[in-house]
Amino acid sequence: MRMHAQATRPRQTEPKPAGNSVLMHDQACGVHGEGISQKRILAVLMLSVYMTSVGVSVLNVALPSVETGLGASNAQLQWVLSGYALTFGVALVPAGRAGDLYGRRLLFVFGTLMFAVSCAVAGLATNATMLATARLFQGLAAGISGPQGIGLMQQYFHGGARGKAFGWFGTTIGVAFISGPILGGLIIHLGGDGSGWRWIFLVNIPAAVLAALGALRWIPAEAEKGDRANGRSIDLDIPGTLLVTTAMFVILLPFTIAHQNALWWLLIPFGACVGWGWYRWEIYYRDSGRQPMVELSLFRIKQFTHGVLISSLYLLGTTNVWVLVALYMQDGLGYSALASGMMALPSAGMTILASRAVGRYVYRFGRWFVIIGLTSLLVGMAASIAVVQLHQHIATSEWWLLATLAFVGIAQGSVILPTQTLTLDVIPIDYAGSSAGVMQTGQRIGAAIGITLITAIAFAILSTSDWTSAATVGFASVGVVIACTLPLAIIDLRAAQKGIFVS
């Protein structure tokens, strides 16, 4: 198939929707890159991104150690694992808008230091409730700093430099996602099963402090000005903030606690109603001449809407892969946390290679990379199912998973990076934080649904069968989600090739 170099870049003269639209190009193009060290800014942001991203996956191999060390119940372990994602998702949109309004540097520093404090509390926790509470604050801190980092990249990197910056962003997230189990297994091996898990949190403290100090030293003070720099009044849209925060909390909460009582699932339709109320409020707020929390005309940009859906569905599936691998290796085959984590090594290497290639050519072949990555993940899941089945029936080595899971690394480096870069590329700088918050919120919802749904399916199979069957069905479920995502990526590619960016 012939690749079209123009397919991945938006036209410079897009049609504009009526009303208070944000489809104009950044008014001053946000060019502040001269006279500052982009490399230092990027280093600070990537340190924070790695820290907060690895917090999602590092506990996959640590839960047995936490259970041993604190005597945690299954319900408490669920809060330790899912509470982070809950508050992370709730904070993203309000924090992103706050950064747009008040400036991103201080909010970035605040979120980073809050992450350090919550890591200290988690590492010194004396009981499971204290640990679960610290994880809630960790997620909140990550949700505050995350949109600021993306907004700062959009503010200080442009053209090819922005593509490279997002290349590093995608590489960092991919490596964090995959190296989490490796790092967690190594730390637990060195620290012991009883207390090794504590160092998973404590090692983040100096990194967070360095990131905060680096931000104060190298990110220009102008990044604190927000809308004040443009001479505009600051419109908080407090009702919109409360509505979207409530909707996200109510929608995500059942995925954390519904295992205790199925009635909690009834919160989801209620949360959807609150979300609809927020949508109608934002329209009213905009039409009354005020500045809404999220500019809804963003969703008229096909590039933005497609990107949110693709990245959300992708994480709904792929978030489960390393959870399933850890459970299969540790509970199914009796391996240690370290051995389980090492299973991700080739995948981490492929993530780095794929991310660097994508970052270099994202504006030429970005959407083709997404399709290649999704296809690679399908191949990886099918091959992993074959390895699991062959190990059970003809005693082939389970370590062939090292090769099959490398395809997951290709996907990790090929999907999120171009999707995020091309999705946010047409967003004006005034909405950089809130648009990033919307996109990451969709990703968090997708991850929360996936981690609950697919692991629930695997455990349901386990209740009547063995880990071979559970892992097989789990990997197959991931494949089904990705197979449903692939057609959307193809539709997005065709829309871009035709220059259709506004619906």
Protein backbone atom coordinates (compact mmCIF):
# COMPACT_ATOMS: atom_id res chain seq x y z
CA MET A 1 0.00 0.00 0.00
CA ARG A 2 1.20 3.44 -0.89
CA MET A 3 1.70 5.82 2.05
CA HIS A 4 0.53 9.39 1.59
CA ALA A 5 2.82 11.91 3.23
CA GLN A 6 0.05 14.53 3.38
CA ALA A 7 -2.41 12.26 5.12
CA THR A 8 -1.25 13.00 8.61
CA ARG A 9 -1.14 16.79 8.59
CA PRO A 10 -4.21 19.02 8.85
CA ARG A 11 -4.93 21.57 6.20
CA GLN A 12 -3.97 25.08 7.12
CA THR A 13 -7.35 26.48 6.03
CA GLU A 14 -9.87 24.32 7.83
CA PRO A 15 -13.55 25.27 7.79
CA LYS A 16 -14.61 26.88 11.04
CA PRO A 17 -17.80 26.06 12.92
CA ALA A 18 -20.10 28.87 13.85
CA GLY A 19 -20.10 30.39 17.29
CA ASN A 20 -17.32 30.44 19.80
CA SER A 21 -14.99 28.15 17.88
CA VAL A 22 -11.45 27.14 18.71
CA LEU A 23 -10.53 25.92 15.26
CA MET A 24 -8.39 28.94 14.48
CA HIS A 25 -4.64 28.44 14.50
CA ASP A 26 -2.84 29.42 17.72
CA GLN A 27 -3.02 33.20 17.61
CA ALA A 28 0.63 33.80 18.19
CA CYS A 29 1.45 30.19 17.45
CA GLY A 30 2.71 30.02 21.04
CA VAL A 31 6.30 30.27 19.90
CA HIS A 32 8.31 30.70 23.03
CA GLY A 33 11.03 28.24 22.20
CA GLU A 34 13.76 30.74 21.47
CA GLY A 35 16.06 31.60 24.35
CA ILE A 36 15.02 28.64 26.46
CA SER A 37 16.43 25.15 26.76
CA GLN A 38 13.87 22.84 25.21
CA LYS A 39 16.02 19.85 26.12
CA ARG A 40 15.92 20.75 29.82
CA ILE A 41 12.19 21.38 29.75
CA LEU A 42 11.66 18.04 28.04
CA ALA A 43 13.88 16.24 30.55
CA VAL A 44 11.84 17.64 33.45
CA LEU A 45 8.54 16.73 31.83
CA MET A 46 9.63 13.22 30.90
CA LEU A 47 10.87 12.52 34.42
CA SER A 48 7.42 13.41 35.73
CA VAL A 49 5.65 11.47 32.98
CA TYR A 50 7.68 8.34 33.72
CA MET A 51 7.03 8.61 37.44
CA THR A 52 3.28 9.01 37.16
CA SER A 53 2.89 6.49 34.31
CA VAL A 54 4.87 3.72 35.95
CA GLY A 55 2.56 4.07 38.96
CA VAL A 56 -0.19 2.48 36.88
CA SER A 57 1.65 -0.76 36.10
CA VAL A 58 4.29 -1.17 38.79
CA LEU A 59 1.88 -2.71 41.28
CA ASN A 60 0.82 -5.50 38.91
CA VAL A 61 3.55 -7.73 40.33
CA ALA A 62 3.54 -6.23 43.85
CA LEU A 63 0.04 -7.12 45.05
CA PRO A 64 1.08 -10.51 46.53
CA SER A 65 3.87 -8.70 48.42
CA VAL A 66 1.45 -6.05 49.71
CA GLU A 67 -0.93 -8.77 50.80
CA THR A 68 1.89 -10.50 52.70
CA GLY A 69 3.33 -7.34 54.22
CA LEU A 70 0.10 -5.68 55.38
CA GLY A 71 -2.34 -8.57 55.54
CA ALA A 72 -4.57 -6.75 53.03
CA SER A 73 -7.95 -8.15 52.03
CA ASN A 74 -8.99 -8.54 48.40
CA ALA A 75 -11.20 -5.45 48.68
CA GLN A 76 -8.30 -3.40 50.02
CA LEU A 77 -6.01 -4.68 47.28
CA GLN A 78 -8.60 -3.61 44.72
CA TRP A 79 -8.53 -0.07 46.14
CA VAL A 80 -4.73 -0.04 46.10
CA LEU A 81 -4.74 -1.08 42.44
CA SER A 82 -7.73 0.88 41.12
CA GLY A 83 -7.91 3.89 43.44
CA TYR A 84 -4.99 5.48 41.61
CA ALA A 85 -6.80 5.28 38.27
CA LEU A 86 -10.01 6.59 39.86
CA THR A 87 -8.64 9.89 41.16
CA PHE A 88 -6.28 10.22 38.20
CA GLY A 89 -9.25 10.18 35.83
CA VAL A 90 -11.37 12.52 37.95
CA ALA A 91 -8.70 15.25 38.12
CA LEU A 92 -7.63 15.44 34.49
CA VAL A 93 -10.18 17.76 32.88
CA PRO A 94 -10.48 20.28 35.76
CA ALA A 95 -6.70 20.35 36.21
CA GLY A 96 -6.13 20.83 32.50
CA ARG A 97 -8.50 23.78 32.39
CA ALA A 98 -6.98 25.26 35.54
CA GLY A 99 -3.58 25.17 33.83
CA ASP A 100 -4.99 26.97 30.80
CA LEU A 101 -6.43 29.68 33.04
CA TYR A 102 -3.81 30.18 35.73
CA GLY A 103 -0.65 28.95 34.05
CA ARG A 104 0.91 25.52 33.94
CA ARG A 105 4.26 25.75 35.72
CA LEU A 106 3.10 26.11 39.33
CA LEU A 107 0.33 23.53 38.91
CA PHE A 108 2.91 21.15 37.47
CA VAL A 109 5.20 21.74 40.45
CA PHE A 110 2.32 21.41 42.92
CA GLY A 111 1.16 18.10 41.41
CA THR A 112 4.72 16.74 41.32
CA LEU A 113 5.42 17.59 44.98
CA MET A 114 2.04 16.21 46.00
CA PHE A 115 3.04 12.99 44.26
CA ALA A 116 6.27 12.89 46.29
CA VAL A 117 4.42 13.34 49.60
CA SER A 118 1.85 10.67 48.76
CA CYS A 119 4.68 8.28 47.79
CA ALA A 120 6.25 8.84 51.21
CA VAL A 121 2.95 8.10 52.95
CA ALA A 122 2.43 4.98 50.83
CA GLY A 123 5.94 3.71 51.46
CA LEU A 124 5.56 4.17 55.24
CA ALA A 125 1.99 2.86 55.43
CA THR A 126 1.25 0.79 58.52
CA ASN A 127 -1.96 -0.75 57.20
CA ALA A 128 -3.76 -1.36 53.94
CA THR A 129 -6.26 1.46 54.46
CA MET A 130 -3.44 3.97 54.81
CA LEU A 131 -1.82 2.63 51.65
CA ALA A 132 -5.07 2.77 49.67
CA THR A 133 -5.65 6.37 50.80
CA ALA A 134 -2.14 7.36 49.76
CA ARG A 135 -2.77 5.81 46.35
CA LEU A 136 -5.88 7.97 45.96
CA PHE A 137 -3.76 11.08 46.53
CA GLN A 138 -1.09 9.74 44.19
CA GLY A 139 -3.65 9.48 41.42
CA LEU A 140 -4.96 12.97 42.16
CA ALA A 141 -1.42 14.36 41.99
CA ALA A 142 -0.76 12.61 38.68
CA GLY A 143 -4.04 13.96 37.33
CA ILE A 144 -2.99 17.50 38.25
CA SER A 145 0.51 17.38 36.75
CA GLY A 146 -0.26 15.29 33.66
CA PRO A 147 -2.26 17.82 31.57
CA GLN A 148 0.24 20.56 32.47
CA GLY A 149 3.07 18.54 30.94
CA ILE A 150 1.21 18.05 27.66
CA GLY A 151 0.17 21.71 27.64
CA LEU A 152 3.77 22.82 28.16
CA MET A 153 4.94 20.64 25.28
CA GLN A 154 2.35 22.27 23.03
CA GLN A 155 3.40 25.70 24.29
CA TYR A 156 7.17 25.37 23.84
CA PHE A 157 7.57 22.90 20.98
CA HIS A 158 6.36 23.47 17.42
CA GLY A 159 6.64 21.86 14.01
CA GLY A 160 9.26 19.14 13.88
CA ALA A 161 10.35 19.87 17.44
CA ARG A 162 6.84 19.11 18.67
CA GLY A 163 6.84 15.79 16.84
CA LYS A 164 10.13 14.86 18.48
CA ALA A 165 8.87 15.99 21.90
CA PHE A 166 5.77 13.86 21.59
CA GLY A 167 8.04 11.08 20.37
CA TRP A 168 9.86 11.21 23.69
CA PHE A 169 6.49 11.47 25.44
CA GLY A 170 5.24 8.30 23.77
CA THR A 171 8.53 6.52 24.37
CA THR A 172 8.46 7.44 28.04
CA ILE A 173 4.87 6.30 28.57
CA GLY A 174 5.49 3.07 26.68
CA VAL A 175 8.66 2.28 28.58
CA ALA A 176 6.98 3.17 31.90
CA PHE A 177 4.00 0.98 31.11
CA ILE A 178 6.13 -2.02 30.22
CA SER A 179 9.04 -1.49 32.62
CA GLY A 180 6.69 -1.17 35.60
CA PRO A 181 6.46 -4.95 36.14
CA ILE A 182 10.22 -5.31 35.59
CA LEU A 183 11.07 -2.55 38.05
CA GLY A 184 8.52 -3.77 40.57
CA GLY A 185 9.78 -7.33 40.39
CA LEU A 186 13.40 -6.25 40.79
CA ILE A 187 12.68 -4.01 43.78
CA ILE A 188 10.65 -6.70 45.52
CA HIS A 189 13.40 -9.24 44.84
CA LEU A 190 15.98 -6.94 46.46
CA GLY A 191 13.77 -5.75 49.31
CA GLY A 192 12.08 -9.03 50.15
CA ASP A 193 8.47 -10.16 49.86
CA GLY A 194 7.46 -8.63 53.18
CA SER A 195 8.63 -5.04 52.70
CA GLY A 196 10.11 -4.78 49.22
CA TRP A 197 6.89 -3.21 47.93
CA ARG A 198 7.57 -0.12 50.11
CA TRP A 199 10.57 0.83 47.98
CA ILE A 200 8.38 0.88 44.90
CA PHE A 201 6.97 4.10 46.32
CA LEU A 202 9.96 5.49 48.19
CA VAL A 203 12.28 5.51 45.17
CA ASN A 204 9.95 8.02 43.50
CA ILE A 205 10.53 10.71 46.13
CA PRO A 206 13.94 12.02 44.96
CA ALA A 207 12.81 11.83 41.33
CA ALA A 208 9.71 13.92 42.09
CA VAL A 209 11.72 16.51 44.00
CA LEU A 210 14.21 16.77 41.12
CA ALA A 211 11.36 17.23 38.63
CA ALA A 212 9.81 19.99 40.73
CA LEU A 213 13.12 21.82 41.19
CA GLY A 214 13.91 21.45 37.51
CA ALA A 215 10.53 22.92 36.56
CA LEU A 216 11.11 25.96 38.77
CA ARG A 217 14.60 26.39 37.35
CA TRP A 218 14.10 25.75 33.63
CA ILE A 219 10.44 26.27 32.71
CA PRO A 220 9.97 30.00 32.02
CA ALA A 221 7.92 32.02 34.49
CA GLU A 222 5.63 33.07 31.63
CA ALA A 223 4.14 29.56 31.83
CA GLU A 224 2.46 30.74 35.05
CA LYS A 225 0.46 33.47 33.36
CA GLY A 226 -2.26 31.48 31.59
CA ASP A 227 -5.11 33.59 30.24
CA ARG A 228 -3.81 36.60 32.18
CA ALA A 229 -1.06 36.91 29.56
CA ASN A 230 -3.73 37.51 26.90
CA GLY A 231 -5.50 40.17 28.94
CA ARG A 232 -8.67 38.08 29.25
CA SER A 233 -10.77 37.73 32.36
CA ILE A 234 -10.60 34.35 34.03
CA ASP A 235 -13.83 32.36 33.83
CA LEU A 236 -13.78 29.43 36.23
CA ASP A 237 -17.05 27.79 35.10
CA ILE A 238 -17.49 26.36 38.59
CA PRO A 239 -20.80 24.55 37.81
CA GLY A 240 -19.16 22.88 34.79
CA THR A 241 -16.18 21.86 36.91
CA LEU A 242 -18.40 20.33 39.59
CA LEU A 243 -20.57 18.51 37.05
CA VAL A 244 -17.71 16.94 35.09
CA THR A 245 -15.86 15.97 38.27
CA THR A 246 -18.98 14.34 39.69
CA ALA A 247 -19.69 12.52 36.42
CA MET A 248 -16.17 11.10 36.19
CA PHE A 249 -16.15 10.02 39.83
CA VAL A 250 -19.55 8.33 39.61
CA ILE A 251 -18.70 6.55 36.35
CA LEU A 252 -15.28 5.31 37.50
CA LEU A 253 -16.23 4.37 41.09
CA PRO A 254 -18.08 1.12 40.24
CA PHE A 255 -14.99 -0.23 38.52
CA THR A 256 -13.23 0.01 41.87
CA ILE A 257 -15.85 -1.31 44.29
CA ALA A 258 -18.58 -3.13 42.34
CA HIS A 259 -17.00 -6.48 43.23
CA GLN A 260 -18.40 -5.91 46.72
CA ASN A 261 -21.97 -5.41 45.55
CA ALA A 262 -23.31 -5.53 42.00
CA LEU A 263 -25.74 -2.70 42.75
CA TRP A 264 -22.83 -0.27 42.47
CA TRP A 265 -23.04 -0.70 38.69
CA LEU A 266 -26.26 1.33 38.78
CA LEU A 267 -24.07 4.39 39.34
CA ILE A 268 -22.90 4.25 35.71
CA PRO A 269 -26.23 5.32 34.12
CA PHE A 270 -26.54 7.97 36.83
CA GLY A 271 -23.04 9.21 35.98
CA ALA A 272 -23.97 9.25 32.30
CA CYS A 273 -26.97 11.46 33.13
CA VAL A 274 -24.71 13.82 35.08
CA GLY A 275 -22.36 13.84 32.09
CA TRP A 276 -25.24 14.78 29.79
CA GLY A 277 -26.19 17.55 32.19
CA TRP A 278 -22.61 18.81 32.02
CA TYR A 279 -22.73 18.77 28.20
CA ARG A 280 -25.95 20.79 28.12
CA TRP A 281 -24.55 23.23 30.68
CA GLU A 282 -21.41 23.81 28.62
CA ILE A 283 -23.56 24.63 25.59
CA TYR A 284 -25.64 27.08 27.62
CA TYR A 285 -22.53 28.62 29.15
CA ARG A 286 -20.91 29.11 25.76
CA ASP A 287 -24.05 30.51 24.13
CA SER A 288 -24.42 33.02 26.97
CA GLY A 289 -21.09 34.56 25.89
CA ARG A 290 -18.91 33.05 28.61
CA GLN A 291 -15.91 30.74 28.38
CA PRO A 292 -16.86 27.09 29.04
CA MET A 293 -14.62 24.65 30.83
CA VAL A 294 -14.27 22.53 27.65
CA GLU A 295 -14.84 24.10 24.26
CA LEU A 296 -17.32 21.63 22.74
CA SER A 297 -16.48 22.65 19.18
CA LEU A 298 -13.30 20.61 19.70
CA PHE A 299 -15.45 17.53 19.09
CA ARG A 300 -16.37 18.84 15.64
CA ILE A 301 -12.75 18.21 14.67
CA LYS A 302 -12.73 14.64 13.40
CA GLN A 303 -9.04 14.40 14.18
CA PHE A 304 -9.73 15.12 17.85
CA THR A 305 -12.81 12.89 18.20
CA HIS A 306 -11.20 9.95 16.40
CA GLY A 307 -8.04 10.29 18.48
CA VAL A 308 -9.93 10.24 21.77
CA LEU A 309 -11.89 7.14 20.73
CA ILE A 310 -8.90 5.24 19.32
CA SER A 311 -6.65 5.87 22.33
CA SER A 312 -9.46 5.05 24.79
CA LEU A 313 -10.33 1.75 23.09
CA TYR A 314 -6.67 0.85 22.74
CA LEU A 315 -6.06 1.26 26.46
CA LEU A 316 -9.29 -0.59 27.25
CA GLY A 317 -7.64 -3.61 25.70
CA THR A 318 -3.90 -3.29 26.18
CA THR A 319 -3.93 -2.24 29.87
CA ASN A 320 -4.82 -5.83 30.74
CA VAL A 321 -2.00 -7.58 28.93
CA TRP A 322 0.62 -7.30 31.67
CA VAL A 323 -1.89 -7.98 34.43
CA LEU A 324 -2.78 -11.23 32.69
CA VAL A 325 0.88 -12.08 32.14
CA ALA A 326 1.72 -11.43 35.81
CA LEU A 327 -1.18 -13.55 37.06
CA TYR A 328 -0.43 -16.37 34.62
CA MET A 329 3.28 -16.45 35.45
CA GLN A 330 2.97 -16.03 39.23
CA ASP A 331 -0.33 -17.68 40.17
CA GLY A 332 -0.53 -20.07 37.24
CA LEU A 333 3.06 -21.23 36.87
CA GLY A 334 4.50 -20.30 40.28
CA TYR A 335 7.22 -17.90 39.13
CA SER A 336 8.52 -15.02 41.25
CA ALA A 337 7.61 -11.37 40.74
CA LEU A 338 11.07 -10.77 39.26
CA ALA A 339 10.74 -13.59 36.72
CA SER A 340 7.27 -12.36 35.81
CA GLY A 341 8.56 -8.84 35.31
CA MET A 342 11.44 -10.01 33.12
CA MET A 343 8.86 -11.26 30.64
CA ALA A 344 8.44 -7.63 29.53
CA LEU A 345 12.09 -6.98 28.63
CA PRO A 346 11.93 -7.60 24.85
CA SER A 347 8.66 -5.72 24.72
CA ALA A 348 10.27 -2.71 26.41
CA GLY A 349 13.07 -2.75 23.84
CA MET A 350 10.61 -2.83 20.95
CA THR A 351 8.66 0.04 22.51
CA ILE A 352 11.78 2.21 22.54
CA LEU A 353 12.66 1.38 18.92
CA ALA A 354 9.12 1.89 17.66
CA SER A 355 8.65 5.14 19.56
CA ARG A 356 11.84 6.66 18.21
CA ALA A 357 10.88 5.76 14.64
CA VAL A 358 7.35 7.09 15.07
CA GLY A 359 8.56 10.29 16.69
CA ARG A 360 10.79 10.97 13.72
CA TYR A 361 8.17 10.34 11.03
CA VAL A 362 4.92 11.04 12.88
CA TYR A 363 3.83 13.87 10.57
CA ARG A 364 4.49 11.80 7.43
CA PHE A 365 3.15 8.37 8.30
CA GLY A 366 1.55 8.78 11.73
CA ARG A 367 -1.80 7.17 11.02
CA TRP A 368 -0.17 4.29 9.20
CA PHE A 369 1.88 3.64 12.34
CA VAL A 370 -1.36 3.40 14.35
CA ILE A 371 -2.72 0.75 11.98
CA ILE A 372 0.58 -1.16 12.04
CA GLY A 373 0.63 -1.03 15.85
CA LEU A 374 -2.93 -2.30 16.25
CA THR A 375 -2.23 -5.12 13.78
CA SER A 376 0.95 -5.98 15.67
CA LEU A 377 -0.98 -6.25 18.92
CA LEU A 378 -3.48 -8.63 17.30
CA VAL A 379 -0.60 -10.81 16.09
CA GLY A 380 0.96 -10.72 19.58
CA MET A 381 -2.26 -11.83 21.28
CA ALA A 382 -2.84 -14.67 18.81
CA ALA A 383 0.76 -15.88 19.16
CA SER A 384 0.60 -15.63 22.98
CA ILE A 385 -2.53 -17.76 23.02
CA ALA A 386 -0.68 -20.34 20.93
CA VAL A 387 2.27 -20.37 23.39
CA VAL A 388 -0.01 -20.82 26.41
CA GLN A 389 -1.91 -23.66 24.76
CA LEU A 390 1.22 -25.40 23.49
CA HIS A 391 2.82 -25.19 26.93
CA GLN A 392 -0.21 -26.90 28.43
CA HIS A 393 -0.65 -29.63 25.84
CA ILE A 394 2.81 -30.48 24.47
CA ALA A 395 5.05 -28.93 27.15
CA THR A 396 6.76 -26.32 24.98
CA SER A 397 8.51 -23.56 26.92
CA GLU A 398 6.39 -20.76 28.31
CA TRP A 399 9.36 -18.46 27.71
CA TRP A 400 8.33 -18.19 24.07
CA LEU A 401 6.08 -15.46 25.46
CA LEU A 402 9.18 -13.26 25.45
CA ALA A 403 8.96 -13.26 21.65
CA THR A 404 5.19 -13.01 21.26
CA LEU A 405 4.85 -10.18 23.77
CA ALA A 406 7.47 -8.17 21.87
CA PHE A 407 4.63 -7.43 19.43
CA VAL A 408 2.88 -5.66 22.30
CA GLY A 409 5.94 -3.43 22.60
CA ILE A 410 5.68 -2.51 18.92
CA ALA A 411 2.05 -1.55 19.48
CA GLN A 412 2.87 0.43 22.58
CA GLY A 413 5.35 2.55 20.67
CA SER A 414 3.21 2.88 17.55
CA VAL A 415 -0.32 3.72 18.69
CA ILE A 416 -0.50 6.25 21.52
CA LEU A 417 2.35 8.49 20.34
CA PRO A 418 1.01 9.37 16.85
CA THR A 419 -2.58 9.38 18.06
CA GLN A 420 -1.80 11.89 20.78
CA THR A 421 0.48 14.02 18.60
CA LEU A 422 -1.87 14.30 15.63
CA THR A 423 -4.97 14.66 17.78
CA LEU A 424 -3.64 17.62 19.74
CA ASP A 425 -1.76 19.20 16.83
CA VAL A 426 -4.77 21.27 15.69
CA ILE A 427 -5.78 22.44 19.18
CA PRO A 428 -5.12 26.14 19.99
CA ILE A 429 -2.70 26.73 22.86
CA ASP A 430 -5.46 28.33 24.94
CA TYR A 431 -7.12 24.90 25.18
CA ALA A 432 -3.97 22.77 25.29
CA GLY A 433 -4.48 21.68 28.89
CA SER A 434 -8.22 21.06 28.80
CA SER A 435 -8.06 19.17 25.49
CA ALA A 436 -5.24 17.01 26.87
CA GLY A 437 -7.36 16.46 29.98
CA VAL A 438 -10.34 15.35 27.88
CA MET A 439 -8.18 12.93 25.91
CA GLN A 440 -6.50 11.47 28.98
CA THR A 441 -9.87 11.17 30.74
CA GLY A 442 -11.14 9.04 27.89
CA GLN A 443 -8.01 6.92 28.19
CA ARG A 444 -8.49 6.52 31.96
CA ILE A 445 -12.12 5.48 31.50
CA GLY A 446 -11.06 2.98 28.85
CA ALA A 447 -8.31 1.58 31.09
CA ALA A 448 -10.68 1.34 34.07
CA ILE A 449 -13.34 -0.48 32.07
CA GLY A 450 -10.77 -2.81 30.55
CA ILE A 451 -8.99 -3.70 33.78
CA THR A 452 -12.33 -4.56 35.38
CA LEU A 453 -14.07 -6.26 32.47
CA ILE A 454 -11.29 -8.38 31.02
CA THR A 455 -9.82 -9.50 34.35
CA ALA A 456 -13.37 -10.34 35.52
CA ILE A 457 -13.79 -12.52 32.43
CA ALA A 458 -10.47 -14.24 33.11
CA PHE A 459 -11.35 -14.91 36.76
CA ALA A 460 -14.78 -16.21 35.76
CA ILE A 461 -13.07 -18.77 33.51
CA LEU A 462 -10.58 -19.56 36.29
CA SER A 463 -13.42 -20.43 38.68
CA THR A 464 -14.32 -23.42 36.52
CA SER A 465 -11.01 -24.15 34.75
CA ASP A 466 -7.28 -23.44 35.01
CA TRP A 467 -4.92 -20.56 34.27
CA THR A 468 -4.29 -21.83 30.73
CA SER A 469 -7.92 -21.30 29.87
CA ALA A 470 -8.15 -18.04 31.82
CA ALA A 471 -5.10 -16.53 30.11
CA THR A 472 -6.31 -17.73 26.72
CA VAL A 473 -9.71 -16.09 27.13
CA GLY A 474 -8.11 -12.97 28.57
CA PHE A 475 -5.73 -12.56 25.62
CA ALA A 476 -8.59 -13.28 23.22
CA SER A 477 -10.70 -10.57 24.90
CA VAL A 478 -7.89 -8.07 24.37
CA GLY A 479 -7.75 -9.12 20.73
CA VAL A 480 -11.50 -8.55 20.28
CA VAL A 481 -11.22 -4.98 21.63
CA ILE A 482 -8.27 -4.19 19.35
CA ALA A 483 -10.04 -5.76 16.36
CA CYS A 484 -12.91 -3.33 17.00
CA THR A 485 -10.46 -0.41 17.20
CA LEU A 486 -8.70 -1.16 13.91
CA PRO A 487 -11.62 -0.15 11.62
CA LEU A 488 -11.86 3.21 13.39
CA ALA A 489 -8.16 3.81 12.76
CA ILE A 490 -8.70 3.03 9.06
CA ILE A 491 -11.65 5.45 8.93
CA ASP A 492 -9.46 8.12 10.53
CA LEU A 493 -6.73 7.53 7.96
CA ARG A 494 -9.18 7.83 5.06
CA ALA A 495 -10.69 11.01 6.49
CA ALA A 496 -7.23 12.54 6.77
CA GLN A 497 -6.34 11.51 3.23
CA LYS A 498 -9.46 13.31 2.00
CA GLY A 499 -8.68 16.36 4.13
CA ILE A 500 -11.88 15.96 6.15
CA PHE A 501 -11.18 17.39 9.58
CA VAL A 502 -14.46 19.00 10.59
CA SER A 503 -17.74 17.15 10.82
